[in-house]
Amino acid sequence: MNKSLQLALCDTQGKLFELSGTEEYESESFAKAFMTTNVAADMDKDFNHIQWAGKSYILSRMEDECKEELKKGQVYDTETLYWMGYIYRYWNIYTGERSRDIYKQAPAKTMRAMYLMYHTMSPEMAIDRLKDTYNAKKKI
């Protein structure tokens, strides 16, 4: 897949996370539900129709698959949500790791805490730092 298509996927996922906020889904539960579902697993594939279906369709599939996990609650600000969604998808493209494994390394709380420090870095640098933080915690 060429770079511009990969970046379009990152943008779509960023907009999906923004849309979760507009729908007032609690951000931590939404991020965890998304990153551990078949929807994200399909996004991880080299090609799957859902990648080009758009944020509204992806959200409706999430609502079908994860009704119990999606609840109204504390919503992160729009910029943080977009960045989280974008970086999670970029991480998959950059390292080849599955969404489920990425989320274990950087859950929503971590992403929110690191947003202010990392959002101005290149995606690669932010991901490398997030991985370093996870690996350092693992050693303790």
Foldseek 3Di string as FASTA:
>chain_A
DDPVLLQVLLQQQLVLLLVLVVVQWANQLVLLLCLPDVLQVQLLDPDDPSSVPGSVVSVVVSCVVCVPSTDHDDRDDSVLSSLVRSLLSVVCVVPVDGSNVLCVLAGSVNSVVCCVVPVVDDSVVSSVVSNVVSVVVVVD
